[in-house]
Amino acid sequence: MRIVNRLFATLILLLNLYFLPFSFITIRENFGSMRGGLTLLPITLLINMLIITSVLAFKKKYEKNLGILIINLFGLLFALGLFFLLMATQRME
């Protein structure tokens, strides 16, 4: 369980390399309400908050915690789904 928890945590941290700048750019551009930024911002901020549980997965106290594993699993599935959705849609520029 420890290896799976760390794998999920690592994948979440790697996905946040995309979502963290995405959130900052959306905020900097005044939420970009015409391009759906105001709609996506709460979702991406939730994905950014998964950094906390990902870091906890590497701590000795929480590395075998089933709750952290479940949160990371559902967060990873949600983040991967949104990532592939954002990559598959065409940009309207």
Protein backbone atom coordinates (compact mmCIF):
# COMPACT_ATOMS: atom_id res chain seq x y z
CA MET A 1 0.00 0.00 0.00
CA ARG A 2 2.91 2.32 0.69
CA ILE A 3 4.25 2.04 -2.86
CA VAL A 4 0.82 2.66 -4.42
CA ASN A 5 0.27 5.68 -2.17
CA ARG A 6 3.61 7.15 -3.19
CA LEU A 7 2.93 6.44 -6.86
CA PHE A 8 -0.41 8.27 -6.72
CA ALA A 9 1.20 11.14 -4.82
CA THR A 10 3.99 11.43 -7.39
CA LEU A 11 1.52 11.47 -10.28
CA ILE A 12 -0.56 14.17 -8.56
CA LEU A 13 2.55 16.28 -8.04
CA LEU A 14 3.48 15.86 -11.71
CA LEU A 15 -0.02 16.86 -12.82
CA ASN A 16 0.20 19.95 -10.66
CA LEU A 17 3.16 21.06 -12.76
CA TYR A 18 0.45 21.79 -15.34
CA PHE A 19 -2.44 22.88 -13.10
CA LEU A 20 -0.54 25.24 -10.78
CA PRO A 21 0.63 27.61 -13.55
CA PHE A 22 -2.80 27.23 -15.17
CA SER A 23 -4.42 28.54 -11.99
CA PHE A 24 -1.99 31.45 -11.67
CA ILE A 25 -2.45 32.46 -15.31
CA THR A 26 -6.23 32.32 -14.92
CA ILE A 27 -6.08 34.56 -11.85
CA ARG A 28 -3.62 36.97 -13.49
CA GLU A 29 -5.87 37.39 -16.52
CA ASN A 30 -8.76 38.51 -14.30
CA PHE A 31 -10.34 35.07 -14.35
CA GLY A 32 -10.88 35.14 -18.12
CA SER A 33 -14.64 34.79 -17.73
CA MET A 34 -15.24 34.82 -21.47
CA ARG A 35 -13.00 31.79 -21.93
CA GLY A 36 -14.39 29.70 -19.07
CA GLY A 37 -11.64 30.58 -16.61
CA LEU A 38 -14.09 31.49 -13.89
CA THR A 39 -15.70 28.10 -14.27
CA LEU A 40 -12.45 26.13 -14.24
CA LEU A 41 -10.68 28.02 -11.46
CA PRO A 42 -12.46 26.35 -8.48
CA ILE A 43 -11.84 22.94 -10.03
CA THR A 44 -8.14 23.59 -10.62
CA LEU A 45 -7.74 25.02 -7.12
CA LEU A 46 -9.17 21.77 -5.71
CA ILE A 47 -6.59 19.87 -7.75
CA ASN A 48 -3.90 22.21 -6.42
CA MET A 49 -5.01 21.42 -2.86
CA LEU A 50 -4.18 17.77 -3.52
CA ILE A 51 -0.54 18.80 -3.14
CA ILE A 52 -1.13 18.69 0.63
CA THR A 53 -2.26 15.06 0.66
CA SER A 54 0.48 14.14 -1.81
CA VAL A 55 3.16 15.53 0.45
CA LEU A 56 1.57 13.78 3.45
CA ALA A 57 1.83 10.47 1.57
CA PHE A 58 5.62 10.71 1.79
CA LYS A 59 5.63 11.20 5.58
CA LYS A 60 6.25 8.14 7.77
CA LYS A 61 3.13 8.77 9.84
CA TYR A 62 0.75 8.79 6.84
CA GLU A 63 2.45 6.49 4.32
CA LYS A 64 0.14 3.56 5.16
CA ASN A 65 -2.99 5.65 5.79
CA LEU A 66 -5.96 4.34 3.82
CA GLY A 67 -7.75 7.71 3.91
CA ILE A 68 -4.84 9.49 2.22
CA LEU A 69 -4.72 6.70 -0.38
CA ILE A 70 -8.43 7.05 -1.19
CA ILE A 71 -8.23 10.86 -1.42
CA ASN A 72 -5.20 10.60 -3.69
CA LEU A 73 -6.87 7.94 -5.85
CA PHE A 74 -10.04 9.94 -6.47
CA GLY A 75 -8.06 13.16 -6.86
CA LEU A 76 -5.76 11.53 -9.39
CA LEU A 77 -8.67 10.16 -11.42
CA PHE A 78 -10.37 13.56 -11.39
CA ALA A 79 -7.17 15.42 -12.29
CA LEU A 80 -6.31 13.00 -15.10
CA GLY A 81 -9.82 13.32 -16.50
CA LEU A 82 -9.66 17.10 -16.50
CA PHE A 83 -6.13 17.07 -17.89
CA PHE A 84 -7.12 14.89 -20.85
CA LEU A 85 -10.25 16.97 -21.37
CA LEU A 86 -8.22 20.19 -21.51
CA MET A 87 -5.64 18.61 -23.82
CA ALA A 88 -8.28 17.19 -26.19
CA THR A 89 -10.31 20.38 -26.71
CA GLN A 90 -9.27 22.89 -29.31
CA ARG A 91 -8.29 26.35 -28.22
CA MET A 92 -10.59 29.10 -29.41
CA GLU A 93 -8.10 31.82 -30.26
